[in-house]
C-alpha atoms as a PDB file:
ATOM      1  CA  ARG A   1     -25.484 -13.318   5.235  1.00  0.00           C
ATOM      2  CA  TYR A   2     -27.934 -12.778   3.277  1.00  0.00           C
ATOM      3  CA  GLY A   3     -29.837 -10.849   5.161  1.00  0.00           C
ATOM      4  CA  LEU A   4     -33.660 -11.376   4.971  1.00  0.00           C
ATOM      5  CA  LEU A   5     -32.970 -13.144   1.740  1.00  0.00           C
ATOM      6  CA  HIS A   6     -31.380 -16.426   3.178  1.00  0.00           C
ATOM      7  CA  THR A   7     -30.336 -18.031  -0.286  1.00  0.00           C
ATOM      8  CA  GLU A   8     -28.884 -17.618  -3.391  1.00  0.00           C
ATOM      9  CA  GLN A   9     -32.043 -18.755  -4.699  1.00  0.00           C
ATOM     10  CA  ASP A  10     -33.926 -16.225  -3.265  1.00  0.00           C
ATOM     11  CA  LEU A  11     -31.738 -13.551  -4.548  1.00  0.00           C
ATOM     12  CA  ALA A  12     -31.971 -15.788  -8.542  1.00  0.00           C
ATOM     13  CA  ASP A  13     -36.025 -15.284  -7.958  1.00  0.00           C
ATOM     14  CA  ILE A  14     -36.200 -12.133  -7.831  1.00  0.00           C
ATOM     15  CA  GLU A  15     -33.536 -11.318 -10.005  1.00  0.00           C
ATOM     16  CA  HIS A  16     -35.338 -13.171 -12.497  1.00  0.00           C
ATOM     17  CA  GLY A  17     -38.845 -11.171 -11.555  1.00  0.00           C
ATOM     18  CA  VAL A  18     -36.845  -7.903 -11.975  1.00  0.00           C
ATOM     19  CA  THR A  19     -35.016  -9.051 -15.416  1.00  0.00           C
ATOM     20  CA  GLY A  20     -38.691 -10.008 -16.485  1.00  0.00           C
ATOM     21  CA  VAL A  21     -39.791  -6.594 -16.277  1.00  0.00           C
ATOM     22  CA  LEU A  22     -36.751  -4.681 -17.567  1.00  0.00           C
ATOM     23  CA  ALA A  23     -37.176  -7.569 -20.862  1.00  0.00           C
ATOM     24  CA  THR A  24     -37.821  -4.929 -24.456  1.00  0.00           C
ATOM     25  CA  SER A  25     -38.367  -5.053 -27.559  1.00  0.00           C
ATOM     26  CA  LYS A  26     -37.365  -2.981 -30.177  1.00  0.00           C
ATOM     27  CA  GLU A  27     -40.804  -2.588 -31.293  1.00  0.00           C
ATOM     28  CA  ALA A  28     -42.243  -1.694 -28.040  1.00  0.00           C
ATOM     29  CA  VAL A  29     -38.854   0.635 -27.445  1.00  0.00           C
ATOM     30  CA  GLU A  30     -40.761   1.983 -31.096  1.00  0.00           C
ATOM     31  CA  ALA A  31     -43.593   2.674 -29.564  1.00  0.00           C
ATOM     32  CA  ILE A  32     -42.004   3.966 -26.058  1.00  0.00           C
ATOM     33  CA  ASP A  33     -40.538   6.838 -28.593  1.00  0.00           C
ATOM     34  CA  ALA A  34     -43.825   7.372 -29.756  1.00  0.00           C
ATOM     35  CA  THR A  35     -45.190   9.020 -26.798  1.00  0.00           C
ATOM     36  CA  PRO A  36     -45.730  12.185 -25.014  1.00  0.00           C
ATOM     37  CA  LEU A  37     -42.355  13.116 -23.592  1.00  0.00           C
ATOM     38  CA  GLU A  38     -43.210  12.758 -19.964  1.00  0.00           C
ATOM     39  CA  GLN A  39     -44.662   8.819 -19.963  1.00  0.00           C
ATOM     40  CA  ARG A  40     -41.429   8.362 -21.693  1.00  0.00           C
ATOM     41  CA  GLN A  41     -39.407   9.913 -18.917  1.00  0.00           C
ATOM     42  CA  SER A  42     -41.244   7.901 -17.255  1.00  0.00           C
ATOM     43  CA  VAL A  43     -40.720   4.597 -18.500  1.00  0.00           C
ATOM     44  CA  ILE A  44     -36.935   5.893 -18.696  1.00  0.00           C
ATOM     45  CA  VAL A  45     -37.395   6.823 -15.142  1.00  0.00           C
ATOM     46  CA  CYS A  46     -38.486   3.349 -13.847  1.00  0.00           C
ATOM     47  CA  LYS A  47     -36.461   1.336 -15.568  1.00  0.00           C
ATOM     48  CA  MET A  48     -33.508   3.344 -14.572  1.00  0.00           C
ATOM     49  CA  GLN A  49     -34.533   2.050 -10.236  1.00  0.00           C
ATOM     50  CA  LEU A  50     -34.798  -0.846 -11.643  1.00  0.00           C
ATOM     51  CA  CYS A  51     -31.300  -1.312 -12.995  1.00  0.00           C
ATOM     52  CA  HIS A  52     -30.116  -0.093  -9.181  1.00  0.00           C
ATOM     53  CA  ILE A  53     -32.366  -3.135  -7.789  1.00  0.00           C
ATOM     54  CA  LEU A  54     -30.570  -5.986 -10.393  1.00  0.00           C
ATOM     55  CA  LYS A  55     -27.195  -3.905  -8.823  1.00  0.00           C
ATOM     56  CA  LEU A  56     -27.628  -4.104  -5.481  1.00  0.00           C
ATOM     57  CA  ILE A  57     -29.175  -7.929  -5.926  1.00  0.00           C
ATOM     58  CA  TRP A  58     -26.032  -9.162  -7.669  1.00  0.00           C
ATOM     59  CA  ASP A  59     -23.792  -6.655  -5.036  1.00  0.00           C
ATOM     60  CA  LYS A  60     -26.101  -8.732  -1.863  1.00  0.00           C
ATOM     61  CA  ARG A  61     -24.545 -11.727  -3.939  1.00  0.00           C
ATOM     62  CA  THR A  62     -21.342 -11.284  -3.902  1.00  0.00           C
ATOM     63  CA  ASN A  63     -21.117 -10.355  -0.232  1.00  0.00           C
ATOM     64  CA  GLY A  64     -22.688 -13.350   0.687  1.00  0.00           C
ATOM     65  CA  ARG A  65     -20.903 -15.683  -1.226  1.00  0.00           C
ATOM     66  CA  LEU A  66     -17.382 -13.373   0.744  1.00  0.00           C
ATOM     67  CA  SER A  67     -19.168 -14.794   3.656  1.00  0.00           C
ATOM     68  CA  THR A  68     -19.785 -17.773   3.312  1.00  0.00           C
ATOM     69  CA  ALA A  69     -15.551 -17.895   2.029  1.00  0.00           C
ATOM     70  CA  LEU A  70     -14.850 -16.045   5.545  1.00  0.00           C
ATOM     71  CA  GLU A  71     -17.331 -18.935   7.040  1.00  0.00           C
ATOM     72  CA  PHE A  72     -15.533 -22.145   5.498  1.00  0.00           C
ATOM     73  CA  PHE A  73     -11.792 -20.320   6.490  1.00  0.00           C
ATOM     74  CA  LYS A  74     -12.961 -19.974  10.087  1.00  0.00           C
ATOM     75  CA  ARG A  75     -14.279 -24.142   9.673  1.00  0.00           C
ATOM     76  CA  GLU A  76     -10.827 -25.024   8.468  1.00  0.00           C
ATOM     77  CA  GLN A  77      -9.044 -22.724  10.755  1.00  0.00           C
ATOM     78  CA  GLN A  78      -9.641 -21.403  14.398  1.00  0.00           C
ATOM     79  CA  ASN A  79      -5.685 -20.212  15.279  1.00  0.00           C
ATOM     80  CA  PHE A  80      -6.519 -16.589  13.601  1.00  0.00           C
ATOM     81  CA  SER A  81      -7.683 -14.039  14.030  1.00  0.00           C
ATOM     82  CA  MET A  82      -9.686 -11.959  10.715  1.00  0.00           C
ATOM     83  CA  TYR A  83     -10.339  -8.433  10.672  1.00  0.00           C
ATOM     84  CA  SER A  84     -11.744  -6.239   7.950  1.00  0.00           C
ATOM     85  CA  LEU A  85     -10.616  -3.455   6.136  1.00  0.00           C
ATOM     86  CA  GLY A  86     -11.597  -1.424   2.872  1.00  0.00           C
ATOM     87  CA  LYS A  87     -14.118  -0.997   0.422  1.00  0.00           C
ATOM     88  CA  SER A  88     -14.061  -4.411  -0.410  1.00  0.00           C
ATOM     89  CA  GLY A  89     -14.713  -5.745   3.508  1.00  0.00           C
ATOM     90  CA  VAL A  90     -12.188  -7.900   3.913  1.00  0.00           C
ATOM     91  CA  LEU A  91      -7.813  -7.441   3.991  1.00  0.00           C
ATOM     92  CA  GLU A  92      -4.956  -8.311   1.429  1.00  0.00           C
ATOM     93  CA  ARG A  93      -4.102 -11.742   1.232  1.00  0.00           C
ATOM     94  CA  ASP A  94      -1.475 -12.658   3.424  1.00  0.00           C
ATOM     95  CA  VAL A  95      -1.394 -16.350   3.374  1.00  0.00           C
ATOM     96  CA  PRO A  96       1.245 -18.377   5.115  1.00  0.00           C
ATOM     97  CA  LYS A  97       2.756 -21.351   3.565  1.00  0.00           C
ATOM     98  CA  ASP A  98       0.651 -23.536   6.448  1.00  0.00           C
ATOM     99  CA  GLU A  99      -2.621 -21.974   5.675  1.00  0.00           C
ATOM    100  CA  GLN A 100      -1.843 -22.478   1.555  1.00  0.00           C
ATOM    101  CA  LYS A 101      -3.798 -25.486   1.674  1.00  0.00           C
ATOM    102  CA  ILE A 102      -6.581 -23.608   2.645  1.00  0.00           C
ATOM    103  CA  TYR A 103      -6.812 -20.956   0.820  1.00  0.00           C
ATOM    104  CA  GLU A 104      -6.493 -23.722  -2.152  1.00  0.00           C
ATOM    105  CA  LYS A 105      -9.480 -25.863  -0.819  1.00  0.00           C
ATOM    106  CA  VAL A 106     -11.773 -22.914  -0.915  1.00  0.00           C
ATOM    107  CA  LYS A 107     -11.138 -21.425  -4.126  1.00  0.00           C
ATOM    108  CA  ASN A 108     -11.002 -24.983  -5.107  1.00  0.00           C
ATOM    109  CA  THR A 109     -14.660 -24.702  -3.177  1.00  0.00           C
ATOM    110  CA  LEU A 110     -15.748 -21.789  -5.110  1.00  0.00           C
ATOM    111  CA  LYS A 111     -14.261 -22.709  -8.706  1.00  0.00           C
ATOM    112  CA  HIS A 112     -16.980 -26.089  -8.430  1.00  0.00           C
ATOM    113  CA  GLU A 113     -20.260 -24.455  -6.549  1.00  0.00           C
ATOM    114  CA  TRP A 114     -20.070 -20.831  -8.057  1.00  0.00           C
ATOM    115  CA  ARG A 115     -19.228 -21.740 -11.600  1.00  0.00           C
ATOM    116  CA  ASP A 116     -20.250 -18.384 -12.471  1.00  0.00           C
ATOM    117  CA  PHE A 117     -21.609 -15.301 -11.208  1.00  0.00           C
ATOM    118  CA  ASN A 118     -25.415 -16.257 -11.897  1.00  0.00           C
ATOM    119  CA  THR A 119     -27.122 -19.918 -10.682  1.00  0.00           C
ATOM    120  CA  SER A 120     -29.590 -20.453 -13.740  1.00  0.00           C
ATOM    121  CA  THR A 121     -28.341 -21.658 -16.971  1.00  0.00           C
ATOM    122  CA  PRO A 122     -26.570 -20.670 -20.305  1.00  0.00           C
ATOM    123  CA  GLU A 123     -29.461 -19.742 -22.171  1.00  0.00           C
ATOM    124  CA  GLU A 124     -31.152 -17.368 -18.684  1.00  0.00           C
ATOM    125  CA  PHE A 125     -27.601 -16.210 -18.841  1.00  0.00           C
ATOM    126  CA  GLY A 126     -27.766 -15.011 -22.406  1.00  0.00           C
ATOM    127  CA  GLN A 127     -31.100 -13.440 -21.954  1.00  0.00           C
ATOM    128  CA  ILE A 128     -30.693 -11.385 -19.735  1.00  0.00           C
ATOM    129  CA  ARG A 129     -27.618  -9.540 -21.704  1.00  0.00           C
ATOM    130  CA  ASP A 130     -29.751  -9.397 -23.984  1.00  0.00           C
ATOM    131  CA  ILE A 131     -32.438  -7.345 -21.957  1.00  0.00           C
ATOM    132  CA  LEU A 132     -29.645  -5.558 -20.891  1.00  0.00           C
ATOM    133  CA  LEU A 133     -28.734  -4.452 -24.169  1.00  0.00           C
ATOM    134  CA  GLY A 134     -32.321  -3.712 -25.211  1.00  0.00           C
ATOM    135  CA  LEU A 135     -31.946  -0.649 -22.867  1.00  0.00           C
ATOM    136  CA  THR A 136     -29.616   0.458 -24.928  1.00  0.00           C
ATOM    137  CA  LEU A 137     -32.218   1.295 -27.243  1.00  0.00           C
ATOM    138  CA  TYR A 138     -33.939   3.713 -25.380  1.00  0.00           C
ATOM    139  CA  GLU A 139     -33.206   7.157 -25.748  1.00  0.00           C
ATOM    140  CA  SER A 140     -31.593   7.865 -22.916  1.00  0.00           C
ATOM    141  CA  ASP A 141     -27.882   8.420 -21.887  1.00  0.00           C
ATOM    142  CA  THR A 142     -27.152   7.771 -18.551  1.00  0.00           C
ATOM    143  CA  LEU A 143     -30.038   3.938 -19.020  1.00  0.00           C
ATOM    144  CA  ALA A 144     -27.617   3.203 -21.789  1.00  0.00           C
ATOM    145  CA  GLN A 145     -24.691   3.378 -19.060  1.00  0.00           C
ATOM    146  CA  LEU A 146     -26.210   1.575 -16.277  1.00  0.00           C
ATOM    147  CA  ALA A 147     -27.168  -0.981 -18.893  1.00  0.00           C
ATOM    148  CA  LEU A 148     -23.705  -1.294 -19.526  1.00  0.00           C
ATOM    149  CA  GLU A 149     -22.111  -1.530 -16.525  1.00  0.00           C
ATOM    150  CA  LEU A 150     -25.000  -4.032 -16.107  1.00  0.00           C
ATOM    151  CA  ILE A 151     -23.569  -6.120 -19.063  1.00  0.00           C
ATOM    152  CA  VAL A 152     -19.638  -6.008 -17.166  1.00  0.00           C
ATOM    153  CA  LYS A 153     -20.575  -6.361 -13.842  1.00  0.00           C
ATOM    154  CA  LEU A 154     -22.779 -10.146 -15.472  1.00  0.00           C
ATOM    155  CA  PHE A 155     -19.410 -10.855 -16.791  1.00  0.00           C
ATOM    156  CA  SER A 156     -16.964  -9.956 -13.302  1.00  0.00           C
ATOM    157  CA  GLN A 157     -18.940 -11.163 -10.971  1.00  0.00           C
ATOM    158  CA  SER A 158     -17.387 -14.776 -10.901  1.00  0.00           C
ATOM    159  CA  MET A 159     -14.179 -13.012 -10.983  1.00  0.00           C
ATOM    160  CA  GLU A 160     -15.131  -9.695  -8.036  1.00  0.00           C
ATOM    161  CA  VAL A 161     -15.671 -13.314  -5.472  1.00  0.00           C
ATOM    162  CA  HIS A 162     -12.248 -14.791  -6.225  1.00  0.00           C
ATOM    163  CA  ASP A 163     -10.468 -11.587  -6.310  1.00  0.00           C
ATOM    164  CA  ALA A 164     -11.785 -10.500  -3.727  1.00  0.00           C
ATOM    165  CA  LEU A 165     -10.860 -14.457  -1.866  1.00  0.00           C
ATOM    166  CA  ALA A 166      -7.791 -13.212  -2.893  1.00  0.00           C
ATOM    167  CA  GLN A 167      -7.657 -10.318  -0.378  1.00  0.00           C
ATOM    168  CA  VAL A 168      -8.023 -11.831   2.514  1.00  0.00           C
ATOM    169  CA  GLN A 169      -4.887 -11.835   5.005  1.00  0.00           C
ATOM    170  CA  LEU A 170      -5.321 -14.218   7.764  1.00  0.00           C
ATOM    171  CA  LEU A 171      -3.730 -12.297  10.975  1.00  0.00           C
ATOM    172  CA  VAL A 172      -1.959 -15.709  12.173  1.00  0.00           C
ATOM    173  CA  THR A 173       0.457 -14.510  15.575  1.00  0.00           C
ATOM    174  CA  GLN A 174      -0.448 -12.357  18.300  1.00  0.00           C
ATOM    175  CA  GLU A 175       2.566  -9.763  16.340  1.00  0.00           C
ATOM    176  CA  ASN A 176       0.437  -9.303  13.287  1.00  0.00           C
ATOM    177  CA  VAL A 177      -2.744  -8.673  15.656  1.00  0.00           C
ATOM    178  CA  ARG A 178      -0.790  -6.613  17.239  1.00  0.00           C
ATOM    179  CA  THR A 179       0.935  -4.944  13.942  1.00  0.00           C
ATOM    180  CA  PHE A 180      -2.768  -4.643  12.952  1.00  0.00           C
ATOM    181  CA  SER A 181      -4.246  -2.527  15.931  1.00  0.00           C
ATOM    182  CA  LEU A 182      -0.790  -0.145  16.186  1.00  0.00           C
ATOM    183  CA  VAL A 183      -1.076   0.624  12.692  1.00  0.00           C
ATOM    184  CA  LYS A 184      -5.013   1.357  12.555  1.00  0.00           C
ATOM    185  CA  GLU A 185      -5.223   3.681  15.490  1.00  0.00           C
ATOM    186  CA  ARG A 186      -1.405   5.471  14.438  1.00  0.00           C
ATOM    187  CA  GLN A 187      -3.055   6.002  11.153  1.00  0.00           C
ATOM    188  CA  ALA A 188      -6.244   7.332  12.380  1.00  0.00           C
ATOM    189  CA  LYS A 189      -4.183   9.853  14.417  1.00  0.00           C
ATOM    190  CA  LEU A 190      -2.012  10.757  11.320  1.00  0.00           C
ATOM    191  CA  ARG A 191      -5.576  11.573   9.597  1.00  0.00           C
ATOM    192  CA  LEU A 192      -6.871  13.628  12.264  1.00  0.00           C
ATOM    193  CA  ILE A 193      -3.671  15.924  11.943  1.00  0.00           C
ATOM    194  CA  LEU A 194      -3.849  15.605   8.102  1.00  0.00           C
ATOM    195  CA  GLN A 195      -6.778  17.008   7.930  1.00  0.00           C
ATOM    196  CA  ASP A 196      -6.558  19.964  10.236  1.00  0.00           C
ATOM    197  CA  GLY A 197      -3.586  20.568   8.634  1.00  0.00           C
ATOM    198  CA  LEU A 198      -0.361  20.201   9.400  1.00  0.00           C
ATOM    199  CA  ASP A 199       1.014  22.210  12.643  1.00  0.00           C
ATOM    200  CA  LYS A 200       4.086  22.972  13.875  1.00  0.00           C
ATOM    201  CA  LYS A 201       2.849  21.728  17.254  1.00  0.00           C
ATOM    202  CA  ASP A 202       1.871  18.097  16.408  1.00  0.00           C
ATOM    203  CA  GLU A 203       5.299  17.643  14.287  1.00  0.00           C
ATOM    204  CA  PRO A 204       6.804  15.235  17.778  1.00  0.00           C
ATOM    205  CA  ILE A 205       3.630  13.409  16.938  1.00  0.00           C
ATOM    206  CA  ILE A 206       4.336  12.931  13.154  1.00  0.00           C
ATOM    207  CA  ILE A 207       7.792  11.839  13.773  1.00  0.00           C
ATOM    208  CA  ASP A 208       7.181   9.171  17.036  1.00  0.00           C
ATOM    209  CA  THR A 209       4.755   7.959  13.936  1.00  0.00           C
ATOM    210  CA  LEU A 210       6.854   7.820  11.696  1.00  0.00           C
ATOM    211  CA  THR A 211       9.537   6.131  13.548  1.00  0.00           C
ATOM    212  CA  GLN A 212       7.677   3.278  14.556  1.00  0.00           C
ATOM    213  CA  PHE A 213       6.358   3.281  10.494  1.00  0.00           C
ATOM    214  CA  CYS A 214      10.272   2.726   9.324  1.00  0.00           C
ATOM    215  CA  ALA A 215      11.046   0.176  12.278  1.00  0.00           C
ATOM    216  CA  MET A 216       7.938  -1.668  11.394  1.00  0.00           C
ATOM    217  CA  CYS A 217       8.461  -2.424   7.559  1.00  0.00           C
ATOM    218  CA  SER A 218      12.004  -4.229   8.196  1.00  0.00           C
ATOM    219  CA  LYS A 219      12.936  -7.021  10.477  1.00  0.00           C
ATOM    220  CA  ASP A 220      15.913  -5.729  11.593  1.00  0.00           C
ATOM    221  CA  ALA A 221      17.740  -2.374  12.627  1.00  0.00           C
ATOM    222  CA  GLN A 222      19.293  -1.390   9.209  1.00  0.00           C
ATOM    223  CA  GLY A 223      15.939  -2.174   7.175  1.00  0.00           C
ATOM    224  CA  ASN A 224      18.160  -4.565   5.029  1.00  0.00           C
ATOM    225  CA  VAL A 225      15.536  -7.648   5.711  1.00  0.00           C
ATOM    226  CA  PRO A 226      12.205  -6.029   4.404  1.00  0.00           C
ATOM    227  CA  HIS A 227       8.756  -7.222   7.035  1.00  0.00           C
ATOM    228  CA  ASN A 228       6.445  -8.602   3.819  1.00  0.00           C
ATOM    229  CA  GLU A 229       3.805  -8.628   6.144  1.00  0.00           C
ATOM    230  CA  ASN A 230       3.695  -5.998   7.438  1.00  0.00           C
ATOM    231  CA  GLN A 231       4.144  -3.761   4.302  1.00  0.00           C
ATOM    232  CA  ARG A 232       0.667  -5.463   3.183  1.00  0.00           C
ATOM    233  CA  ILE A 233      -1.094  -4.298   6.358  1.00  0.00           C
ATOM    234  CA  PHE A 234       0.536  -0.973   5.205  1.00  0.00           C
ATOM    235  CA  ARG A 235      -0.520  -1.328   1.894  1.00  0.00           C
ATOM    236  CA  ASN A 236      -4.155  -2.176   3.059  1.00  0.00           C
ATOM    237  CA  PHE A 237      -4.247   0.790   5.289  1.00  0.00           C
ATOM    238  CA  GLY A 238      -3.215   3.239   2.510  1.00  0.00           C
ATOM    239  CA  VAL A 239      -0.266   4.468   4.787  1.00  0.00           C
ATOM    240  CA  HIS A 240       1.470   5.242   1.695  1.00  0.00           C
ATOM    241  CA  GLU A 241      -0.756   7.994   0.483  1.00  0.00           C
ATOM    242  CA  ASP A 242      -0.934   9.353   3.815  1.00  0.00           C
ATOM    243  CA  ILE A 243       3.347   9.653   3.646  1.00  0.00           C
ATOM    244  CA  MET A 244       2.401  11.211  -0.130  1.00  0.00           C
ATOM    245  CA  ARG A 245      -0.302  13.661   1.690  1.00  0.00           C
ATOM    246  CA  ILE A 246       2.605  15.266   4.104  1.00  0.00           C
ATOM    247  CA  LEU A 247       5.293  15.040   1.718  1.00  0.00           C
ATOM    248  CA  HIS A 248       3.013  17.802  -0.608  1.00  0.00           C
ATOM    249  CA  THR A 249       3.325  19.895   2.469  1.00  0.00           C
ATOM    250  CA  PRO A 250       5.551  23.004   1.169  1.00  0.00           C
ATOM    251  CA  PHE A 251       8.423  22.735   2.390  1.00  0.00           C
ATOM    252  CA  SER A 252      11.694  25.274   1.098  1.00  0.00           C
ATOM    253  CA  ASN A 253      14.192  23.646   3.367  1.00  0.00           C
ATOM    254  CA  LYS A 254      16.228  26.571   3.939  1.00  0.00           C
ATOM    255  CA  LEU A 255      14.520  27.947   7.357  1.00  0.00           C
ATOM    256  CA  PRO A 256      15.768  27.516  10.456  1.00  0.00           C
ATOM    257  CA  GLU A 257      11.811  26.937  11.734  1.00  0.00           C
ATOM    258  CA  GLU A 258      11.525  24.012   8.851  1.00  0.00           C
ATOM    259  CA  GLN A 259      14.220  21.535  11.013  1.00  0.00           C
ATOM    260  CA  GLY A 260      11.280  19.255  12.629  1.00  0.00           C
ATOM    261  CA  LEU A 261       9.286  19.171   8.689  1.00  0.00           C
ATOM    262  CA  ARG A 262      12.749  18.486   7.191  1.00  0.00           C
ATOM    263  CA  GLU A 263      12.946  15.501   9.932  1.00  0.00           C
ATOM    264  CA  ILE A 264       9.246  14.491   8.467  1.00  0.00           C
ATOM    265  CA  PHE A 265      10.474  14.658   4.959  1.00  0.00           C
ATOM    266  CA  LEU A 266      13.632  12.263   5.730  1.00  0.00           C
ATOM    267  CA  LEU A 267      11.206   9.751   7.606  1.00  0.00           C
ATOM    268  CA  SER A 268       8.530   9.896   5.346  1.00  0.00           C
ATOM    269  CA  TYR A 269      11.198   8.920   2.562  1.00  0.00           C
ATOM    270  CA  ARG A 270      12.942   6.511   4.403  1.00  0.00           C
ATOM    271  CA  PHE A 271       9.621   4.882   5.689  1.00  0.00           C
ATOM    272  CA  LEU A 272       9.004   4.932   1.210  1.00  0.00           C
ATOM    273  CA  LYS A 273      12.329   2.529   1.248  1.00  0.00           C
ATOM    274  CA  LEU A 274      11.312   0.376   3.347  1.00  0.00           C
ATOM    275  CA  PHE A 275       7.927   0.223   1.929  1.00  0.00           C
ATOM    276  CA  VAL A 276       8.808  -0.853  -1.142  1.00  0.00           C
ATOM    277  CA  ALA A 277      11.892  -2.873  -0.536  1.00  0.00           C
ATOM    278  CA  ASP A 278      11.612  -6.355  -2.513  1.00  0.00           C
ATOM    279  CA  ASN A 279       8.024  -5.937  -3.318  1.00  0.00           C
ATOM    280  CA  ALA A 280       7.179  -5.434  -6.200  1.00  0.00           C
ATOM    281  CA  GLU A 281       2.866  -4.708  -5.463  1.00  0.00           C
ATOM    282  CA  ASN A 282       4.050  -1.698  -3.628  1.00  0.00           C
ATOM    283  CA  GLN A 283       6.247  -0.580  -5.963  1.00  0.00           C
ATOM    284  CA  GLU A 284       3.803  -0.250  -8.337  1.00  0.00           C
ATOM    285  CA  LEU A 285       1.932   1.874  -5.978  1.00  0.00           C
ATOM    286  CA  MET A 286       4.794   4.323  -6.041  1.00  0.00           C
ATOM    287  CA  VAL A 287       6.133   4.457  -9.355  1.00  0.00           C
ATOM    288  CA  ARG A 288       3.022   6.217 -10.334  1.00  0.00           C
ATOM    289  CA  HIS A 289       4.454   9.247  -7.783  1.00  0.00           C
ATOM    290  CA  GLN A 290       8.229   9.817  -9.049  1.00  0.00           C
ATOM    291  CA  LYS A 291       7.038  12.808 -10.883  1.00  0.00           C
ATOM    292  CA  PHE A 292       6.054  14.783  -7.883  1.00  0.00           C
ATOM    293  CA  MET A 293       9.283  12.762  -5.680  1.00  0.00           C
ATOM    294  CA  LEU A 294      11.380  14.851  -8.096  1.00  0.00           C
ATOM    295  CA  GLN A 295      10.999  17.780  -7.127  1.00  0.00           C
ATOM    296  CA  HIS A 296      12.486  17.075  -4.122  1.00  0.00           C
ATOM    297  CA  MET A 297      16.162  15.592  -5.225  1.00  0.00           C
ATOM    298  CA  GLY A 298      19.244  17.597  -4.798  1.00  0.00           C
ATOM    299  CA  VAL A 299      17.741  18.953  -1.258  1.00  0.00           C
ATOM    300  CA  LYS A 300      19.916  16.066   0.896  1.00  0.00           C
ATOM    301  CA  LEU A 301      16.387  14.412   1.992  1.00  0.00           C
ATOM    302  CA  LYS A 302      17.586  11.227   0.486  1.00  0.00           C
ATOM    303  CA  VAL A 303      14.277  10.665  -2.244  1.00  0.00           C
ATOM    304  CA  ALA A 304      17.277   8.822  -4.704  1.00  0.00           C
ATOM    305  CA  ASP A 305      17.765   6.091  -2.340  1.00  0.00           C
ATOM    306  CA  THR A 306      13.618   5.553  -2.524  1.00  0.00           C
ATOM    307  CA  MET A 307      13.766   6.543  -5.890  1.00  0.00           C
ATOM    308  CA  ALA A 308      16.132   3.789  -6.814  1.00  0.00           C
ATOM    309  CA  GLU A 309      14.433   1.305  -4.532  1.00  0.00           C
ATOM    310  CA  ILE A 310      11.248   2.022  -6.611  1.00  0.00           C
ATOM    311  CA  PHE A 311      13.085   0.867  -9.662  1.00  0.00           C
ATOM    312  CA  GLN A 312      15.023  -2.202  -7.996  1.00  0.00           C
ATOM    313  CA  GLY A 313      14.499  -5.428  -9.961  1.00  0.00           C
ATOM    314  CA  ASN A 314      11.547  -3.397 -11.098  1.00  0.00           C
ATOM    315  CA  LYS A 315      11.656  -4.679 -15.066  1.00  0.00           C
ATOM    316  CA  VAL A 316       8.443  -2.682 -16.156  1.00  0.00           C
ATOM    317  CA  ALA A 317       9.173   0.569 -14.376  1.00  0.00           C
ATOM    318  CA  CYS A 318      12.660   0.003 -15.405  1.00  0.00           C
ATOM    319  CA  ILE A 319      11.506  -0.536 -19.632  1.00  0.00           C
ATOM    320  CA  GLN A 320       8.799   2.923 -18.855  1.00  0.00           C
ATOM    321  CA  ALA A 321      11.643   5.150 -17.892  1.00  0.00           C
ATOM    322  CA  SER A 322      11.831   7.832 -20.594  1.00  0.00           C
ATOM    323  CA  ASN A 323      15.110   9.425 -21.962  1.00  0.00           C
ATOM    324  CA  ASN A 324      14.115  12.618 -19.677  1.00  0.00           C
ATOM    325  CA  LEU A 325      14.540  11.011 -16.882  1.00  0.00           C
ATOM    326  CA  LEU A 326      17.924   9.393 -16.852  1.00  0.00           C
ATOM    327  CA  THR A 327      18.958  12.758 -17.688  1.00  0.00           C
ATOM    328  CA  PHE A 328      17.534  14.113 -14.957  1.00  0.00           C
ATOM    329  CA  TYR A 329      19.569  11.444 -12.823  1.00  0.00           C
ATOM    330  CA  VAL A 330      22.718  11.684 -14.488  1.00  0.00           C
ATOM    331  CA  ASN A 331      22.352  15.425 -13.947  1.00  0.00           C
ATOM    332  CA  LEU A 332      22.019  14.885 -10.442  1.00  0.00           C
ATOM    333  CA  CYS A 333      25.238  12.971 -10.160  1.00  0.00           C
ATOM    334  CA  ILE A 334      26.866  15.471 -12.073  1.00  0.00           C
ATOM    335  CA  ASN A 335      25.807  18.884  -9.946  1.00  0.00           C
ATOM    336  CA  ALA A 336      24.327  17.533  -6.702  1.00  0.00           C
ATOM    337  CA  GLY A 337      26.656  14.508  -5.634  1.00  0.00           C
ATOM    338  CA  LYS A 338      26.268  11.187  -4.360  1.00  0.00           C
ATOM    339  CA  PHE A 339      23.751  12.485  -1.704  1.00  0.00           C
ATOM    340  CA  PRO A 340      20.807  13.581  -3.796  1.00  0.00           C
END
């Protein structure tokens, strides 16, 4: 869990040693500023390295706490599989109703045992803050930036643990596990194609992949019942960003040889529509792409259906819609008809 450092106390001991070396005073800073340039730079470089070490200690503590939380899950419930994904090393939360009590129990455990990031007293917590603030007195923008970043981290680490815990997804059924594995495999192939550049010979593979993805995003063939668990799995893998990369492929919609690409674009927009259906978090992810999507309006790619689903029930996005956007839609209705 903590590697060679077996407990949080081990990390706390090292933390105290590092912050002790970092500690300085205004008089000490002024004395160092009066020394030759080479000596001043050596001191600043040393302080920067210690800042990096302090960050590593805090990251190590966070990872250890996450491991403890996941072990807690495993002890409480043995009938699910857990996988790692993304920078945080865990999946986004998908806690079924029968697992909610376990999730709440873990949160309460963290709240009482890990009340704040440091295991020290409030006085020692304040001392670390003051030590970091003291580093901003040196004539080094880089050191000051590092110190300020650590101050932010000092006050946010407990929240980081809680947020990461809230991103735990329980793959309860065999269907969940199969979906996870299939999406992972298909996405790897899709990204390899996109990395090398989309070629005509790759079109059948992409069409088959997108067709599968569309089917997995809904519980019925018509796409009227969103599959929330699968929507989250797609979001965790960042599949929507891969789809946007596909849609950035040059496309005129005029050449006969673009028929395969046209089908890919249609499936891409259908997937995004199903991806955001009745899902506020996914809608929020796609709102940022609306300006790009407007470029494909009016060429019968069913972009309007996707855009409508992004705004459906999304009060924040609707409020932010500009007059220019509304005018654009009205003009499309007039000029392009009901199938823009």
